[in-house]
């Protein structure tokens, strides 16, 4: 990310990365291919990028708490399930 703050109206807010979303590896016709790239440093993974792999590096900035959450009534992120058979 290029900035640590954003001004909305007359108020300046700090901007930080969402800690529980990641970038990811990609394969032909499968954009979410398995390997995750954390956007906030951590010691939770020992996976390494390998030559020839492709990745989507996504920083997901927020002026909120820094985490996403799922609720039945209000969901803000969606992903296609690739293992489903067409009806």
PDB file of N, CA and C in Angstrom:
ATOM      1  N   UNK A   1       0.839  -1.169   0.000  1.00  0.00           N
ATOM      2  CA  UNK A   1       0.000   0.000   0.000  1.00  0.00           C
ATOM      3  C   UNK A   1       0.885   1.233   0.000  1.00  0.00           C
ATOM      4  N   UNK A   2       0.393   2.287  -0.588  1.00  0.00           N
ATOM      5  CA  UNK A   2       1.205   3.486  -0.730  1.00  0.00           C
ATOM      6  C   UNK A   2       0.981   4.517   0.362  1.00  0.00           C
ATOM      7  N   UNK A   3      -0.070   4.385   1.147  1.00  0.00           N
ATOM      8  CA  UNK A   3      -0.375   5.408   2.138  1.00  0.00           C
ATOM      9  C   UNK A   3      -0.747   4.769   3.465  1.00  0.00           C
ATOM     10  N   UNK A   4      -0.509   5.487   4.540  1.00  0.00           N
ATOM     11  CA  UNK A   4      -0.882   5.029   5.868  1.00  0.00           C
ATOM     12  C   UNK A   4      -2.089   5.787   6.417  1.00  0.00           C
ATOM     13  N   UNK A   5      -2.658   6.683   5.591  1.00  0.00           N
ATOM     14  CA  UNK A   5      -3.833   7.424   6.027  1.00  0.00           C
ATOM     15  C   UNK A   5      -4.623   7.896   4.814  1.00  0.00           C
ATOM     16  N   UNK A   6      -5.906   8.193   5.064  1.00  0.00           N
ATOM     17  CA  UNK A   6      -6.783   8.708   4.026  1.00  0.00           C
ATOM     18  C   UNK A   6      -7.667   9.781   4.653  1.00  0.00           C
ATOM     19  N   UNK A   7      -7.911  10.838   3.898  1.00  0.00           N
ATOM     20  CA  UNK A   7      -8.792  11.893   4.374  1.00  0.00           C
ATOM     21  C   UNK A   7     -10.139  11.753   3.680  1.00  0.00           C
ATOM     22  N   UNK A   8     -11.188  11.633   4.489  1.00  0.00           N
ATOM     23  CA  UNK A   8     -12.558  11.539   3.989  1.00  0.00           C
ATOM     24  C   UNK A   8     -13.314  12.697   4.604  1.00  0.00           C
ATOM     25  N   UNK A   9     -13.782  13.617   3.750  1.00  0.00           N
ATOM     26  CA  UNK A   9     -14.378  14.843   4.265  1.00  0.00           C
ATOM     27  C   UNK A   9     -13.287  15.653   4.946  1.00  0.00           C
ATOM     28  N   UNK A  10     -13.471  16.006   6.186  1.00  0.00           N
ATOM     29  CA  UNK A  10     -12.463  16.753   6.932  1.00  0.00           C
ATOM     30  C   UNK A  10     -11.756  15.903   7.980  1.00  0.00           C
ATOM     31  N   UNK A  11     -11.925  14.585   7.902  1.00  0.00           N
ATOM     32  CA  UNK A  11     -11.337  13.701   8.902  1.00  0.00           C
ATOM     33  C   UNK A  11     -10.283  12.809   8.258  1.00  0.00           C
ATOM     34  N   UNK A  12      -9.138  12.660   8.917  1.00  0.00           N
ATOM     35  CA  UNK A  12      -8.076  11.779   8.444  1.00  0.00           C
ATOM     36  C   UNK A  12      -8.092  10.496   9.280  1.00  0.00           C
ATOM     37  N   UNK A  13      -8.117   9.346   8.588  1.00  0.00           N
ATOM     38  CA  UNK A  13      -8.172   8.039   9.237  1.00  0.00           C
ATOM     39  C   UNK A  13      -6.896   7.258   8.945  1.00  0.00           C
ATOM     40  N   UNK A  14      -6.408   6.460   9.909  1.00  0.00           N
ATOM     41  CA  UNK A  14      -5.281   5.578   9.618  1.00  0.00           C
ATOM     42  C   UNK A  14      -5.746   4.439   8.712  1.00  0.00           C
ATOM     43  N   UNK A  15      -4.880   3.980   7.812  1.00  0.00           N
ATOM     44  CA  UNK A  15      -5.170   2.855   6.926  1.00  0.00           C
ATOM     45  C   UNK A  15      -4.213   1.730   7.274  1.00  0.00           C
ATOM     46  N   UNK A  16      -4.746   0.510   7.381  1.00  0.00           N
ATOM     47  CA  UNK A  16      -3.913  -0.658   7.639  1.00  0.00           C
ATOM     48  C   UNK A  16      -4.409  -1.815   6.786  1.00  0.00           C
ATOM     49  N   UNK A  17      -3.581  -2.828   6.636  1.00  0.00           N
ATOM     50  CA  UNK A  17      -3.952  -4.015   5.864  1.00  0.00           C
ATOM     51  C   UNK A  17      -4.847  -4.925   6.691  1.00  0.00           C
ATOM     52  N   UNK A  18      -5.779  -5.580   6.022  1.00  0.00           N
ATOM     53  CA  UNK A  18      -6.602  -6.589   6.690  1.00  0.00           C
ATOM     54  C   UNK A  18      -5.734  -7.811   6.980  1.00  0.00           C
ATOM     55  N   UNK A  19      -5.667  -8.209   8.223  1.00  0.00           N
ATOM     56  CA  UNK A  19      -4.745  -9.257   8.635  1.00  0.00           C
ATOM     57  C   UNK A  19      -5.208 -10.663   8.288  1.00  0.00           C
ATOM     58  N   UNK A  20      -6.499 -10.874   8.064  1.00  0.00           N
ATOM     59  CA  UNK A  20      -6.946 -12.238   7.797  1.00  0.00           C
ATOM     60  C   UNK A  20      -7.389 -12.455   6.347  1.00  0.00           C
ATOM     61  N   UNK A  21      -6.928 -11.606   5.434  1.00  0.00           N
ATOM     62  CA  UNK A  21      -7.079 -11.866   4.003  1.00  0.00           C
ATOM     63  C   UNK A  21      -5.696 -11.986   3.394  1.00  0.00           C
ATOM     64  N   UNK A  22      -5.611 -12.717   2.287  1.00  0.00           N
ATOM     65  CA  UNK A  22      -4.300 -13.016   1.700  1.00  0.00           C
ATOM     66  C   UNK A  22      -4.317 -12.839   0.193  1.00  0.00           C
ATOM     67  N   UNK A  23      -3.131 -12.694  -0.370  1.00  0.00           N
ATOM     68  CA  UNK A  23      -2.946 -12.892  -1.797  1.00  0.00           C
ATOM     69  C   UNK A  23      -2.899 -14.400  -2.019  1.00  0.00           C
ATOM     70  N   UNK A  24      -2.754 -14.831  -3.280  1.00  0.00           N
ATOM     71  CA  UNK A  24      -2.828 -16.268  -3.539  1.00  0.00           C
ATOM     72  C   UNK A  24      -2.159 -16.632  -4.857  1.00  0.00           C
ATOM     73  N   UNK A  25      -1.820 -17.914  -4.967  1.00  0.00           N
ATOM     74  CA  UNK A  25      -1.292 -18.424  -6.226  1.00  0.00           C
ATOM     75  C   UNK A  25      -2.435 -18.581  -7.222  1.00  0.00           C
ATOM     76  N   UNK A  26      -2.073 -18.627  -8.518  1.00  0.00           N
ATOM     77  CA  UNK A  26      -3.069 -18.754  -9.585  1.00  0.00           C
ATOM     78  C   UNK A  26      -2.628 -19.843 -10.558  1.00  0.00           C
ATOM     79  N   UNK A  27      -3.592 -20.549 -11.127  1.00  0.00           N
ATOM     80  CA  UNK A  27      -3.370 -21.539 -12.174  1.00  0.00           C
ATOM     81  C   UNK A  27      -4.299 -21.198 -13.345  1.00  0.00           C
ATOM     82  N   UNK A  28      -4.052 -21.753 -14.533  1.00  0.00           N
ATOM     83  CA  UNK A  28      -4.964 -21.487 -15.644  1.00  0.00           C
ATOM     84  C   UNK A  28      -6.406 -21.855 -15.268  1.00  0.00           C
ATOM     85  N   UNK A  29      -7.325 -20.935 -15.466  1.00  0.00           N
ATOM     86  CA  UNK A  29      -8.750 -21.100 -15.209  1.00  0.00           C
ATOM     87  C   UNK A  29      -9.079 -21.305 -13.727  1.00  0.00           C
ATOM     88  N   UNK A  30      -8.139 -21.074 -12.839  1.00  0.00           N
ATOM     89  CA  UNK A  30      -8.382 -21.199 -11.405  1.00  0.00           C
ATOM     90  C   UNK A  30      -7.614 -20.090 -10.698  1.00  0.00           C
ATOM     91  N   UNK A  31      -8.299 -18.996 -10.388  1.00  0.00           N
ATOM     92  CA  UNK A  31      -7.608 -17.826  -9.849  1.00  0.00           C
ATOM     93  C   UNK A  31      -7.150 -18.026  -8.405  1.00  0.00           C
ATOM     94  N   UNK A  32      -7.851 -18.830  -7.599  1.00  0.00           N
ATOM     95  CA  UNK A  32      -7.416 -19.152  -6.240  1.00  0.00           C
ATOM     96  C   UNK A  32      -6.873 -20.577  -6.262  1.00  0.00           C
ATOM     97  N   UNK A  33      -5.543 -20.714  -6.371  1.00  0.00           N
ATOM     98  CA  UNK A  33      -4.963 -22.022  -6.669  1.00  0.00           C
ATOM     99  C   UNK A  33      -4.340 -22.747  -5.482  1.00  0.00           C
ATOM    100  N   UNK A  34      -4.393 -22.227  -4.295  1.00  0.00           N
ATOM    101  CA  UNK A  34      -3.932 -23.039  -3.175  1.00  0.00           C
ATOM    102  C   UNK A  34      -2.937 -22.409  -2.229  1.00  0.00           C
ATOM    103  N   UNK A  35      -1.877 -21.804  -2.722  1.00  0.00           N
ATOM    104  CA  UNK A  35      -0.898 -21.192  -1.836  1.00  0.00           C
ATOM    105  C   UNK A  35      -1.355 -19.783  -1.471  1.00  0.00           C
ATOM    106  N   UNK A  36      -1.237 -19.441  -0.204  1.00  0.00           N
ATOM    107  CA  UNK A  36      -1.624 -18.114   0.279  1.00  0.00           C
ATOM    108  C   UNK A  36      -0.406 -17.267   0.572  1.00  0.00           C
ATOM    109  N   UNK A  37      -0.525 -15.961   0.295  1.00  0.00           N
ATOM    110  CA  UNK A  37       0.538 -15.002   0.588  1.00  0.00           C
ATOM    111  C   UNK A  37      -0.023 -14.024   1.610  1.00  0.00           C
ATOM    112  N   UNK A  38       0.419 -14.132   2.851  1.00  0.00           N
ATOM    113  CA  UNK A  38      -0.067 -13.233   3.894  1.00  0.00           C
ATOM    114  C   UNK A  38       0.428 -11.815   3.622  1.00  0.00           C
ATOM    115  N   UNK A  39      -0.424 -10.841   3.846  1.00  0.00           N
ATOM    116  CA  UNK A  39      -0.051  -9.455   3.572  1.00  0.00           C
ATOM    117  C   UNK A  39       0.455  -8.746   4.811  1.00  0.00           C
ATOM    118  N   UNK A  40       0.355  -9.409   5.950  1.00  0.00           N
ATOM    119  CA  UNK A  40       0.916  -8.901   7.200  1.00  0.00           C
ATOM    120  C   UNK A  40       1.896  -9.972   7.683  1.00  0.00           C
ATOM    121  N   UNK A  41       3.102  -9.588   8.028  1.00  0.00           N
ATOM    122  CA  UNK A  41       4.130 -10.550   8.436  1.00  0.00           C
ATOM    123  C   UNK A  41       3.644 -11.419   9.591  1.00  0.00           C
ATOM    124  N   UNK A  42       3.937 -12.714   9.497  1.00  0.00           N
ATOM    125  CA  UNK A  42       3.583 -13.657  10.561  1.00  0.00           C
ATOM    126  C   UNK A  42       4.479 -14.883  10.459  1.00  0.00           C
ATOM    127  N   UNK A  43       4.387 -15.753  11.405  1.00  0.00           N
ATOM    128  CA  UNK A  43       5.179 -16.990  11.408  1.00  0.00           C
ATOM    129  C   UNK A  43       4.294 -18.210  11.221  1.00  0.00           C
ATOM    130  N   UNK A  44       3.134 -18.050  10.583  1.00  0.00           N
ATOM    131  CA  UNK A  44       2.168 -19.138  10.477  1.00  0.00           C
ATOM    132  C   UNK A  44       2.376 -20.048   9.277  1.00  0.00           C
ATOM    133  N   UNK A  45       3.246 -19.723   8.354  1.00  0.00           N
ATOM    134  CA  UNK A  45       3.381 -20.534   7.147  1.00  0.00           C
ATOM    135  C   UNK A  45       4.836 -20.666   6.743  1.00  0.00           C
ATOM    136  N   UNK A  46       5.188 -21.866   6.286  1.00  0.00           N
ATOM    137  CA  UNK A  46       6.538 -22.069   5.769  1.00  0.00           C
ATOM    138  C   UNK A  46       6.516 -22.313   4.257  1.00  0.00           C
ATOM    139  N   UNK A  47       5.372 -22.065   3.590  1.00  0.00           N
ATOM    140  CA  UNK A  47       5.288 -22.198   2.142  1.00  0.00           C
ATOM    141  C   UNK A  47       6.180 -21.168   1.457  1.00  0.00           C
ATOM    142  N   UNK A  48       6.766 -21.541   0.343  1.00  0.00           N
ATOM    143  CA  UNK A  48       7.625 -20.639  -0.416  1.00  0.00           C
ATOM    144  C   UNK A  48       7.152 -20.569  -1.860  1.00  0.00           C
ATOM    145  N   UNK A  49       7.317 -19.408  -2.468  1.00  0.00           N
ATOM    146  CA  UNK A  49       7.031 -19.270  -3.896  1.00  0.00           C
ATOM    147  C   UNK A  49       8.099 -20.021  -4.672  1.00  0.00           C
ATOM    148  N   UNK A  50       7.664 -20.630  -5.766  1.00  0.00           N
ATOM    149  CA  UNK A  50       8.605 -21.368  -6.609  1.00  0.00           C
ATOM    150  C   UNK A  50       8.641 -20.742  -7.997  1.00  0.00           C
ATOM    151  N   UNK A  51       9.772 -20.891  -8.674  1.00  0.00           N
ATOM    152  CA  UNK A  51       9.946 -20.333 -10.010  1.00  0.00           C
ATOM    153  C   UNK A  51       8.844 -20.838 -10.933  1.00  0.00           C
ATOM    154  N   UNK A  52       8.255 -19.926 -11.695  1.00  0.00           N
ATOM    155  CA  UNK A  52       7.215 -20.262 -12.652  1.00  0.00           C
ATOM    156  C   UNK A  52       5.800 -20.132 -12.107  1.00  0.00           C
ATOM    157  N   UNK A  53       5.640 -20.015 -10.793  1.00  0.00           N
ATOM    158  CA  UNK A  53       4.303 -19.832 -10.224  1.00  0.00           C
ATOM    159  C   UNK A  53       3.852 -18.384 -10.413  1.00  0.00           C
ATOM    160  N   UNK A  54       2.545 -18.196 -10.454  1.00  0.00           N
ATOM    161  CA  UNK A  54       1.983 -16.852 -10.576  1.00  0.00           C
ATOM    162  C   UNK A  54       1.124 -16.560  -9.357  1.00  0.00           C
ATOM    163  N   UNK A  55       1.162 -15.288  -8.914  1.00  0.00           N
ATOM    164  CA  UNK A  55       0.459 -14.895  -7.699  1.00  0.00           C
ATOM    165  C   UNK A  55      -0.308 -13.595  -7.892  1.00  0.00           C
ATOM    166  N   UNK A  56      -1.432 -13.491  -7.212  1.00  0.00           N
ATOM    167  CA  UNK A  56      -2.163 -12.236  -7.084  1.00  0.00           C
ATOM    168  C   UNK A  56      -1.804 -11.695  -5.700  1.00  0.00           C
ATOM    169  N   UNK A  57      -1.111 -10.566  -5.648  1.00  0.00           N
ATOM    170  CA  UNK A  57      -0.732  -9.949  -4.383  1.00  0.00           C
ATOM    171  C   UNK A  57      -1.753  -8.853  -4.092  1.00  0.00           C
ATOM    172  N   UNK A  58      -2.560  -9.058  -3.073  1.00  0.00           N
ATOM    173  CA  UNK A  58      -3.672  -8.168  -2.777  1.00  0.00           C
ATOM    174  C   UNK A  58      -3.497  -7.597  -1.370  1.00  0.00           C
ATOM    175  N   UNK A  59      -3.495  -6.272  -1.266  1.00  0.00           N
ATOM    176  CA  UNK A  59      -3.201  -5.660   0.027  1.00  0.00           C
ATOM    177  C   UNK A  59      -4.423  -5.353   0.882  1.00  0.00           C
ATOM    178  N   UNK A  60      -5.604  -5.209   0.343  1.00  0.00           N
ATOM    179  CA  UNK A  60      -6.835  -5.021   1.103  1.00  0.00           C
ATOM    180  C   UNK A  60      -6.682  -4.023   2.251  1.00  0.00           C
ATOM    181  N   UNK A  61      -6.695  -2.753   1.939  1.00  0.00           N
ATOM    182  CA  UNK A  61      -6.588  -1.725   2.968  1.00  0.00           C
ATOM    183  C   UNK A  61      -7.918  -1.425   3.636  1.00  0.00           C
ATOM    184  N   UNK A  62      -7.875  -0.973   4.890  1.00  0.00           N
ATOM    185  CA  UNK A  62      -9.092  -0.644   5.632  1.00  0.00           C
ATOM    186  C   UNK A  62      -8.842   0.498   6.612  1.00  0.00           C
ATOM    187  N   UNK A  63      -9.891   1.208   6.923  1.00  0.00           N
ATOM    188  CA  UNK A  63      -9.843   2.205   7.997  1.00  0.00           C
ATOM    189  C   UNK A  63     -10.516   1.637   9.247  1.00  0.00           C
ATOM    190  N   UNK A  64     -10.865   0.366   9.209  1.00  0.00           N
ATOM    191  CA  UNK A  64     -11.556  -0.281  10.325  1.00  0.00           C
ATOM    192  C   UNK A  64     -10.600  -1.005  11.260  1.00  0.00           C
ATOM    193  N   UNK A  65     -11.064  -2.143  11.783  1.00  0.00           N
ATOM    194  CA  UNK A  65     -10.317  -2.885  12.803  1.00  0.00           C
ATOM    195  C   UNK A  65      -9.149  -3.698  12.261  1.00  0.00           C
ATOM    196  N   UNK A  66      -9.146  -4.005  10.967  1.00  0.00           N
ATOM    197  CA  UNK A  66      -8.057  -4.772  10.392  1.00  0.00           C
ATOM    198  C   UNK A  66      -8.357  -6.240  10.202  1.00  0.00           C
ATOM    199  N   UNK A  67      -9.618  -6.632  10.366  1.00  0.00           N
ATOM    200  CA  UNK A  67     -10.043  -8.016  10.173  1.00  0.00           C
ATOM    201  C   UNK A  67     -11.366  -8.040   9.428  1.00  0.00           C
ATOM    202  N   UNK A  68     -11.572  -9.078   8.619  1.00  0.00           N
ATOM    203  CA  UNK A  68     -12.889  -9.310   8.039  1.00  0.00           C
ATOM    204  C   UNK A  68     -13.619 -10.315   8.912  1.00  0.00           C
ATOM    205  N   UNK A  69     -14.933 -10.387   8.775  1.00  0.00           N
ATOM    206  CA  UNK A  69     -15.714 -11.363   9.520  1.00  0.00           C
ATOM    207  C   UNK A  69     -16.902 -11.761   8.680  1.00  0.00           C
ATOM    208  N   UNK A  70     -17.422 -12.955   8.939  1.00  0.00           N
ATOM    209  CA  UNK A  70     -18.587 -13.445   8.210  1.00  0.00           C
ATOM    210  C   UNK A  70     -19.796 -13.429   9.114  1.00  0.00           C
ATOM    211  N   UNK A  71     -20.863 -12.871   8.602  1.00  0.00           N
ATOM    212  CA  UNK A  71     -22.152 -12.914   9.275  1.00  0.00           C
ATOM    213  C   UNK A  71     -23.185 -13.322   8.242  1.00  0.00           C
ATOM    214  N   UNK A  72     -24.181 -14.022   8.661  1.00  0.00           N
ATOM    215  CA  UNK A  72     -25.199 -14.484   7.722  1.00  0.00           C
ATOM    216  C   UNK A  72     -25.913 -13.331   7.038  1.00  0.00           C
ATOM    217  N   UNK A  73     -26.116 -12.233   7.732  1.00  0.00           N
ATOM    218  CA  UNK A  73     -26.888 -11.129   7.177  1.00  0.00           C
ATOM    219  C   UNK A  73     -26.066 -10.147   6.362  1.00  0.00           C
ATOM    220  N   UNK A  74     -24.747 -10.081   6.567  1.00  0.00           N
ATOM    221  CA  UNK A  74     -23.944  -9.059   5.912  1.00  0.00           C
ATOM    222  C   UNK A  74     -22.585  -9.628   5.504  1.00  0.00           C
ATOM    223  N   UNK A  75     -22.462 -10.054   4.262  1.00  0.00           N
ATOM    224  CA  UNK A  75     -21.210 -10.619   3.755  1.00  0.00           C
ATOM    225  C   UNK A  75     -20.635  -9.666   2.717  1.00  0.00           C
ATOM    226  N   UNK A  76     -19.330  -9.391   2.806  1.00  0.00           N
ATOM    227  CA  UNK A  76     -18.731  -8.426   1.884  1.00  0.00           C
ATOM    228  C   UNK A  76     -17.787  -9.056   0.872  1.00  0.00           C
ATOM    229  N   UNK A  77     -17.501 -10.367   0.979  1.00  0.00           N
ATOM    230  CA  UNK A  77     -16.573 -11.024   0.050  1.00  0.00           C
ATOM    231  C   UNK A  77     -17.167 -12.346  -0.424  1.00  0.00           C
ATOM    232  N   UNK A  78     -16.987 -12.633  -1.710  1.00  0.00           N
ATOM    233  CA  UNK A  78     -17.521 -13.849  -2.299  1.00  0.00           C
ATOM    234  C   UNK A  78     -16.449 -14.508  -3.146  1.00  0.00           C
ATOM    235  N   UNK A  79     -16.525 -15.843  -3.281  1.00  0.00           N
ATOM    236  CA  UNK A  79     -15.619 -16.575  -4.155  1.00  0.00           C
ATOM    237  C   UNK A  79     -16.391 -17.717  -4.796  1.00  0.00           C
ATOM    238  N   UNK A  80     -16.132 -17.961  -6.055  1.00  0.00           N
ATOM    239  CA  UNK A  80     -16.774 -19.061  -6.751  1.00  0.00           C
ATOM    240  C   UNK A  80     -16.215 -20.381  -6.249  1.00  0.00           C
ATOM    241  N   UNK A  81     -17.077 -21.377  -6.039  1.00  0.00           N
ATOM    242  CA  UNK A  81     -16.629 -22.707  -5.671  1.00  0.00           C
ATOM    243  C   UNK A  81     -16.328 -23.475  -6.951  1.00  0.00           C
ATOM    244  N   UNK A  82     -15.070 -23.846  -7.157  1.00  0.00           N
ATOM    245  CA  UNK A  82     -14.658 -24.445  -8.421  1.00  0.00           C
ATOM    246  C   UNK A  82     -14.960 -25.926  -8.527  1.00  0.00           C
ATOM    247  N   UNK A  83     -15.223 -26.623  -7.427  1.00  0.00           N
ATOM    248  CA  UNK A  83     -15.430 -28.057  -7.471  1.00  0.00           C
ATOM    249  C   UNK A  83     -16.884 -28.448  -7.674  1.00  0.00           C
ATOM    250  N   UNK A  84     -17.783 -27.490  -7.865  1.00  0.00           N
ATOM    251  CA  UNK A  84     -19.196 -27.797  -8.090  1.00  0.00           C
ATOM    252  C   UNK A  84     -19.431 -28.156  -9.550  1.00  0.00           C
ATOM    253  N   UNK A  85     -20.307 -29.136  -9.781  1.00  0.00           N
ATOM    254  CA  UNK A  85     -20.673 -29.494 -11.151  1.00  0.00           C
ATOM    255  C   UNK A  85     -21.771 -28.561 -11.629  1.00  0.00           C
ATOM    256  N   UNK A  86     -21.739 -28.215 -12.923  1.00  0.00           N
ATOM    257  CA  UNK A  86     -22.782 -27.351 -13.485  1.00  0.00           C
ATOM    258  C   UNK A  86     -24.128 -28.079 -13.441  1.00  0.00           C
ATOM    259  N   UNK A  87     -25.202 -27.330 -13.190  1.00  0.00           N
ATOM    260  CA  UNK A  87     -26.541 -27.926 -13.114  1.00  0.00           C
ATOM    261  C   UNK A  87     -27.107 -28.072 -14.495  1.00  0.00           C
TER     262      UNK A  87
END
